[in-house]
C-alpha atoms as a PDB file:
ATOM      1  CA  MET A   1       0.000   0.000   0.000  1.00  0.00           C
ATOM      2  CA  PRO A   2       1.422   3.415  -0.936  1.00  0.00           C
ATOM      3  CA  SER A   3       2.503   5.485   2.062  1.00  0.00           C
ATOM      4  CA  HIS A   4       0.258   8.467   1.177  1.00  0.00           C
ATOM      5  CA  LEU A   5      -2.800   6.178   1.088  1.00  0.00           C
ATOM      6  CA  LYS A   6      -1.818   4.580   4.391  1.00  0.00           C
ATOM      7  CA  GLN A   7      -1.360   8.052   5.867  1.00  0.00           C
ATOM      8  CA  LYS A   8      -4.845   9.105   4.702  1.00  0.00           C
ATOM      9  CA  ILE A   9      -6.400   5.952   6.172  1.00  0.00           C
ATOM     10  CA  ASN A  10      -4.599   6.532   9.495  1.00  0.00           C
ATOM     11  CA  ARG A  11      -5.783  10.149   9.469  1.00  0.00           C
ATOM     12  CA  ALA A  12      -9.391   9.017   8.892  1.00  0.00           C
ATOM     13  CA  PHE A  13      -9.160   6.611  11.841  1.00  0.00           C
ATOM     14  CA  LEU A  14      -7.672   9.371  14.003  1.00  0.00           C
ATOM     15  CA  PHE A  15     -10.580  11.641  13.060  1.00  0.00           C
ATOM     16  CA  LEU A  16     -13.094   8.948  14.035  1.00  0.00           C
ATOM     17  CA  SER A  17     -11.277   8.320  17.303  1.00  0.00           C
ATOM     18  CA  ASP A  18     -11.549  12.036  18.135  1.00  0.00           C
ATOM     19  CA  PHE A  19     -15.327  11.664  17.816  1.00  0.00           C
ATOM     20  CA  LYS A  20     -15.440   8.401  19.766  1.00  0.00           C
ATOM     21  CA  PRO A  21     -17.372   9.865  22.751  1.00  0.00           C
ATOM     22  CA  ILE A  22     -20.286  10.813  20.484  1.00  0.00           C
ATOM     23  CA  LEU A  23     -19.747   8.459  17.542  1.00  0.00           C
ATOM     24  CA  LEU A  24     -22.823   6.374  18.360  1.00  0.00           C
ATOM     25  CA  SER A  25     -24.921   9.087  19.988  1.00  0.00           C
ATOM     26  CA  HIS A  26     -24.368  12.090  17.638  1.00  0.00           C
ATOM     27  CA  HIS A  27     -25.265  14.423  20.524  1.00  0.00           C
ATOM     28  CA  PRO A  28     -23.186  16.248  23.115  1.00  0.00           C
ATOM     29  CA  ASN A  29     -22.659  14.209  26.275  1.00  0.00           C
ATOM     30  CA  CYS A  30     -24.783  16.341  28.579  1.00  0.00           C
ATOM     31  CA  ASP A  31     -28.079  16.278  30.453  1.00  0.00           C
ATOM     32  CA  VAL A  32     -29.802  18.429  27.801  1.00  0.00           C
ATOM     33  CA  TYR A  33     -29.485  15.545  25.330  1.00  0.00           C
ATOM     34  CA  SER A  34     -30.135  12.716  27.758  1.00  0.00           C
ATOM     35  CA  ASN A  35     -33.587  12.090  26.222  1.00  0.00           C
ATOM     36  CA  HIS A  36     -32.108  11.928  22.723  1.00  0.00           C
ATOM     37  CA  VAL A  37     -30.177   8.744  23.361  1.00  0.00           C
ATOM     38  CA  TYR A  38     -30.593   5.218  24.648  1.00  0.00           C
ATOM     39  CA  HIS A  39     -28.406   4.588  27.686  1.00  0.00           C
ATOM     40  CA  ILE A  40     -27.046   1.051  27.633  1.00  0.00           C
ATOM     41  CA  GLY A  41     -24.398   0.585  30.284  1.00  0.00           C
ATOM     42  CA  LYS A  42     -21.755   3.246  29.752  1.00  0.00           C
ATOM     43  CA  TYR A  43     -22.713   3.640  26.096  1.00  0.00           C
ATOM     44  CA  ARG A  44     -25.074   6.137  24.512  1.00  0.00           C
ATOM     45  CA  PHE A  45     -26.867   5.378  21.241  1.00  0.00           C
ATOM     46  CA  CYS A  46     -28.767   7.896  19.107  1.00  0.00           C
ATOM     47  CA  ILE A  47     -32.484   7.124  19.333  1.00  0.00           C
ATOM     48  CA  GLY A  48     -33.043   8.228  15.741  1.00  0.00           C
ATOM     49  CA  CYS A  49     -30.358   6.109  14.109  1.00  0.00           C
ATOM     50  CA  PHE A  50     -30.642   3.064  16.353  1.00  0.00           C
ATOM     51  CA  THR A  51     -34.415   2.966  15.930  1.00  0.00           C
ATOM     52  CA  LEU A  52     -34.919   4.055  12.311  1.00  0.00           C
ATOM     53  CA  TYR A  53     -32.337   1.946  10.479  1.00  0.00           C
ATOM     54  CA  PRO A  54     -32.963  -1.370  12.294  1.00  0.00           C
ATOM     55  CA  THR A  55     -36.713  -0.849  11.784  1.00  0.00           C
ATOM     56  CA  ILE A  56     -36.187  -0.350   8.038  1.00  0.00           C
ATOM     57  CA  LEU A  57     -34.092  -3.530   7.883  1.00  0.00           C
ATOM     58  CA  LEU A  58     -36.542  -5.597   9.959  1.00  0.00           C
ATOM     59  CA  THR A  59     -39.483  -4.368   7.892  1.00  0.00           C
ATOM     60  CA  ILE A  60     -37.771  -5.416   4.689  1.00  0.00           C
ATOM     61  CA  ILE A  61     -36.798  -8.829   6.110  1.00  0.00           C
ATOM     62  CA  PHE A  62     -40.243  -9.611   7.579  1.00  0.00           C
ATOM     63  CA  THR A  63     -42.060  -8.391   4.476  1.00  0.00           C
ATOM     64  CA  LEU A  64     -39.923 -10.559   2.213  1.00  0.00           C
ATOM     65  CA  LEU A  65     -40.359 -13.554   4.537  1.00  0.00           C
ATOM     66  CA  PHE A  66     -44.075 -13.342   5.285  1.00  0.00           C
ATOM     67  CA  ILE A  67     -45.828 -11.502   2.470  1.00  0.00           C
ATOM     68  CA  GLN A  68     -46.329 -12.929  -0.981  1.00  0.00           C
ATOM     69  CA  LEU A  69     -45.268 -10.186  -3.343  1.00  0.00           C
ATOM     70  CA  ASN A  70     -47.568 -10.068  -6.338  1.00  0.00           C
ATOM     71  CA  ILE A  71     -48.505  -6.910  -8.178  1.00  0.00           C
ATOM     72  CA  GLU A  72     -51.626  -6.292  -6.060  1.00  0.00           C
ATOM     73  CA  THR A  73     -49.821  -6.599  -2.714  1.00  0.00           C
ATOM     74  CA  ILE A  74     -46.888  -4.534  -3.970  1.00  0.00           C
ATOM     75  CA  VAL A  75     -49.217  -1.680  -4.983  1.00  0.00           C
ATOM     76  CA  LEU A  76     -50.983  -2.002  -1.618  1.00  0.00           C
ATOM     77  CA  ILE A  77     -47.639  -1.931   0.228  1.00  0.00           C
ATOM     78  CA  PHE A  78     -46.637   1.155  -1.763  1.00  0.00           C
ATOM     79  CA  ASN A  79     -49.828   2.983  -0.793  1.00  0.00           C
ATOM     80  CA  ILE A  80     -49.726   1.867   2.839  1.00  0.00           C
ATOM     81  CA  SER A  81     -46.099   3.009   3.182  1.00  0.00           C
ATOM     82  CA  PHE A  82     -47.177   6.659   3.008  1.00  0.00           C
ATOM     83  CA  ILE A  83     -49.422   6.268   6.060  1.00  0.00           C
ATOM     84  CA  PHE A  84     -46.315   5.495   8.100  1.00  0.00           C
ATOM     85  CA  PHE A  85     -44.747   8.821   7.038  1.00  0.00           C
ATOM     86  CA  LEU A  86     -47.476  10.775   8.868  1.00  0.00           C
ATOM     87  CA  PRO A  87     -45.488  10.954  12.131  1.00  0.00           C
ATOM     88  CA  LEU A  88     -43.111  13.295  10.289  1.00  0.00           C
ATOM     89  CA  ILE A  89     -45.683  15.863  11.393  1.00  0.00           C
ATOM     90  CA  LEU A  90     -44.568  15.192  14.991  1.00  0.00           C
ATOM     91  CA  ASN A  91     -41.028  16.172  13.994  1.00  0.00           C
ATOM     92  CA  ILE A  92     -42.184  19.310  12.202  1.00  0.00           C
ATOM     93  CA  LEU A  93     -44.333  20.392  15.169  1.00  0.00           C
ATOM     94  CA  GLY A  94     -41.497  19.703  17.628  1.00  0.00           C
ATOM     95  CA  TYR A  95     -43.297  16.999  19.612  1.00  0.00           C
ATOM     96  CA  THR A  96     -40.427  14.535  19.218  1.00  0.00           C
ATOM     97  CA  LYS A  97     -38.736  16.218  22.155  1.00  0.00           C
ATOM     98  CA  TYR A  98     -40.705  13.660  24.160  1.00  0.00           C
ATOM     99  CA  LYS A  99     -38.805  10.379  24.120  1.00  0.00           C
ATOM    100  CA  PHE A 100     -41.856   8.154  23.578  1.00  0.00           C
ATOM    101  CA  LEU A 101     -43.031  10.206  20.583  1.00  0.00           C
ATOM    102  CA  LYS A 102     -39.503  10.311  19.178  1.00  0.00           C
ATOM    103  CA  ILE A 103     -39.266   6.505  19.309  1.00  0.00           C
ATOM    104  CA  PHE A 104     -42.796   6.105  17.907  1.00  0.00           C
ATOM    105  CA  SER A 105     -41.970   8.487  15.058  1.00  0.00           C
ATOM    106  CA  LYS A 106     -38.755   6.649  14.165  1.00  0.00           C
ATOM    107  CA  VAL A 107     -40.403   3.214  14.269  1.00  0.00           C
ATOM    108  CA  SER A 108     -43.272   4.413  12.076  1.00  0.00           C
ATOM    109  CA  LEU A 109     -40.939   6.126   9.624  1.00  0.00           C
ATOM    110  CA  GLY A 110     -38.721   3.020   9.520  1.00  0.00           C
ATOM    111  CA  ILE A 111     -41.709   0.810   8.677  1.00  0.00           C
ATOM    112  CA  GLY A 112     -42.831   3.286   6.015  1.00  0.00           C
ATOM    113  CA  LEU A 113     -39.396   3.507   4.424  1.00  0.00           C
ATOM    114  CA  GLY A 114     -38.960  -0.282   4.502  1.00  0.00           C
ATOM    115  CA  LEU A 115     -42.321  -0.842   2.815  1.00  0.00           C
ATOM    116  CA  TYR A 116     -41.667   1.951   0.324  1.00  0.00           C
ATOM    117  CA  LEU A 117     -38.296   0.486  -0.676  1.00  0.00           C
ATOM    118  CA  ILE A 118     -39.754  -2.999  -1.099  1.00  0.00           C
ATOM    119  CA  ALA A 119     -42.566  -1.641  -3.259  1.00  0.00           C
ATOM    120  CA  ILE A 120     -40.322   0.502  -5.441  1.00  0.00           C
ATOM    121  CA  PHE A 121     -37.784  -2.244  -6.057  1.00  0.00           C
ATOM    122  CA  SER A 122     -40.501  -4.858  -6.651  1.00  0.00           C
ATOM    123  CA  LEU A 123     -42.623  -2.856  -9.084  1.00  0.00           C
ATOM    124  CA  PRO A 124     -41.764  -3.257 -12.772  1.00  0.00           C
ATOM    125  CA  PHE A 125     -40.155   0.166 -13.144  1.00  0.00           C
ATOM    126  CA  HIS A 126     -37.067   1.049 -15.134  1.00  0.00           C
ATOM    127  CA  PRO A 127     -33.894   0.669 -13.000  1.00  0.00           C
ATOM    128  CA  ILE A 128     -33.098   4.381 -13.409  1.00  0.00           C
ATOM    129  CA  PHE A 129     -36.446   5.228 -11.799  1.00  0.00           C
ATOM    130  CA  LYS A 130     -35.679   2.872  -8.922  1.00  0.00           C
ATOM    131  CA  ILE A 131     -32.325   4.549  -8.334  1.00  0.00           C
ATOM    132  CA  LEU A 132     -33.933   8.000  -8.479  1.00  0.00           C
ATOM    133  CA  THR A 133     -36.373   6.969  -5.745  1.00  0.00           C
ATOM    134  CA  LEU A 134     -33.402   6.501  -3.433  1.00  0.00           C
ATOM    135  CA  PHE A 135     -32.915  10.262  -3.744  1.00  0.00           C
ATOM    136  CA  GLU A 136     -36.513  10.691  -2.619  1.00  0.00           C
ATOM    137  CA  VAL A 137     -35.849   8.511   0.433  1.00  0.00           C
ATOM    138  CA  ASN A 138     -32.746  10.568   1.098  1.00  0.00           C
ATOM    139  CA  MET A 139     -34.924  13.687   0.935  1.00  0.00           C
ATOM    140  CA  TYR A 140     -37.204  12.349   3.701  1.00  0.00           C
ATOM    141  CA  ILE A 141     -34.228  11.615   5.902  1.00  0.00           C
ATOM    142  CA  GLY A 142     -32.704  14.974   4.974  1.00  0.00           C
ATOM    143  CA  ILE A 143     -35.844  16.814   6.111  1.00  0.00           C
ATOM    144  CA  ILE A 144     -35.633  15.092   9.480  1.00  0.00           C
ATOM    145  CA  ALA A 145     -31.911  15.856   9.748  1.00  0.00           C
ATOM    146  CA  TYR A 146     -32.565  19.523   8.958  1.00  0.00           C
ATOM    147  CA  ILE A 147     -35.277  19.747  11.609  1.00  0.00           C
ATOM    148  CA  ARG A 148     -33.010  18.002  14.130  1.00  0.00           C
ATOM    149  CA  ALA A 149     -30.089  20.323  13.334  1.00  0.00           C
ATOM    150  CA  LYS A 150     -32.286  23.370  13.948  1.00  0.00           C
ATOM    151  CA  GLN A 151     -33.481  21.872  17.239  1.00  0.00           C
ATOM    152  CA  LEU A 152     -29.904  21.023  18.236  1.00  0.00           C
ATOM    153  CA  LYS A 153     -28.853  24.615  17.642  1.00  0.00           C
ATOM    154  CA  LYS A 154     -31.855  25.878  19.633  1.00  0.00           C
ATOM    155  CA  ASP A 155     -31.169  23.488  22.542  1.00  0.00           C
ATOM    156  CA  CYS A 156     -27.506  24.482  22.644  1.00  0.00           C
ATOM    157  CA  SER A 157     -28.310  28.205  22.526  1.00  0.00           C
ATOM    158  CA  GLN A 158     -30.555  27.811  25.614  1.00  0.00           C
ATOM    159  CA  CYS A 159     -27.775  26.134  27.603  1.00  0.00           C
ATOM    160  CA  GLU A 160     -25.492  28.101  29.900  1.00  0.00           C
ATOM    161  CA  PHE A 161     -22.620  27.525  27.409  1.00  0.00           C
ATOM    162  CA  GLN A 162     -24.693  29.101  24.584  1.00  0.00           C
ATOM    163  CA  GLY A 163     -23.563  26.528  22.002  1.00  0.00           C
ATOM    164  CA  ASP A 164     -19.878  27.324  22.544  1.00  0.00           C
ATOM    165  CA  TRP A 165     -18.545  23.805  22.128  1.00  0.00           C
ATOM    166  CA  ASP A 166     -15.044  24.923  23.074  1.00  0.00           C
ATOM    167  CA  THR A 167     -16.263  25.395  26.654  1.00  0.00           C
ATOM    168  CA  CYS A 168     -19.231  22.984  26.758  1.00  0.00           C
ATOM    169  CA  PRO A 169     -18.291  19.990  28.976  1.00  0.00           C
ATOM    170  CA  GLY A 170     -20.195  17.672  26.627  1.00  0.00           C
ATOM    171  CA  MET A 171     -18.084  18.672  23.619  1.00  0.00           C
ATOM    172  CA  LYS A 172     -14.872  20.287  24.928  1.00  0.00           C
ATOM    173  CA  SER A 173     -12.765  17.118  24.991  1.00  0.00           C
ATOM    174  CA  ILE A 174     -13.770  16.342  21.406  1.00  0.00           C
ATOM    175  CA  ARG A 175     -13.023  19.863  20.189  1.00  0.00           C
ATOM    176  CA  ASP A 176      -9.665  19.853  21.993  1.00  0.00           C
ATOM    177  CA  LYS A 177      -8.679  16.659  20.166  1.00  0.00           C
ATOM    178  CA  LEU A 178      -9.804  18.082  16.827  1.00  0.00           C
ATOM    179  CA  TYR A 179      -7.594  21.143  17.430  1.00  0.00           C
ATOM    180  CA  LEU A 180      -4.685  19.027  18.638  1.00  0.00           C
ATOM    181  CA  HIS A 181      -4.765  16.782  15.578  1.00  0.00           C
ATOM    182  CA  GLY A 182      -5.225  19.666  13.121  1.00  0.00           C
ATOM    183  CA  PHE A 183      -8.778  18.889  12.008  1.00  0.00           C
ATOM    184  CA  ARG A 184      -9.966  22.328  13.152  1.00  0.00           C
ATOM    185  CA  ASP A 185      -8.289  25.675  13.556  1.00  0.00           C
ATOM    186  CA  LYS A 186      -8.904  27.605  16.738  1.00  0.00           C
ATOM    187  CA  LYS A 187     -10.720  30.841  16.113  1.00  0.00           C
ATOM    188  CA  PRO A 188      -8.928  33.832  17.591  1.00  0.00           C
ATOM    189  CA  LYS A 189     -10.651  35.221  20.669  1.00  0.00           C
ATOM    190  CA  SER A 190     -12.343  38.531  19.907  1.00  0.00           C
ATOM    191  CA  ALA A 191     -11.464  41.419  22.170  1.00  0.00           C
END
């Protein structure tokens, strides 16, 4: 392996190791975000990711195992999938700040996306159309990510550290490592 490629791979692993404290949770390690994660032992897992993606996978597996896919059931699955997208309204209205509703929303969305993907890839559409629908799925997930990013910014601005992750105890150690390893440049302090 060429040394420059090995160096880039080592740098990528170093970057991931700097994020290790939040790699599975995607949220600052603080009380404000305690309801955004599952706490399993000393580990924290993002409720969104660790609910949505396994639900999509399980929906696909169970549908393929237990439902006979003929054209009528595929069209029905396609139409039913959109019902499971309705909890996106909970995200838009900000009700997913409640842990139960957040989990419910992610499970429902995961079922909807799983059914949608099965229907799209089972219907006799041109392969280009099937690939383009993946962009549509990405759009749904992107909308949720955008809403979550806005909420994250709002939550951090209401904290005593005002979203300053250089001083926030939940992010300071990560930021310090990113500075130390040259992944970020420290901004000069304004007078």
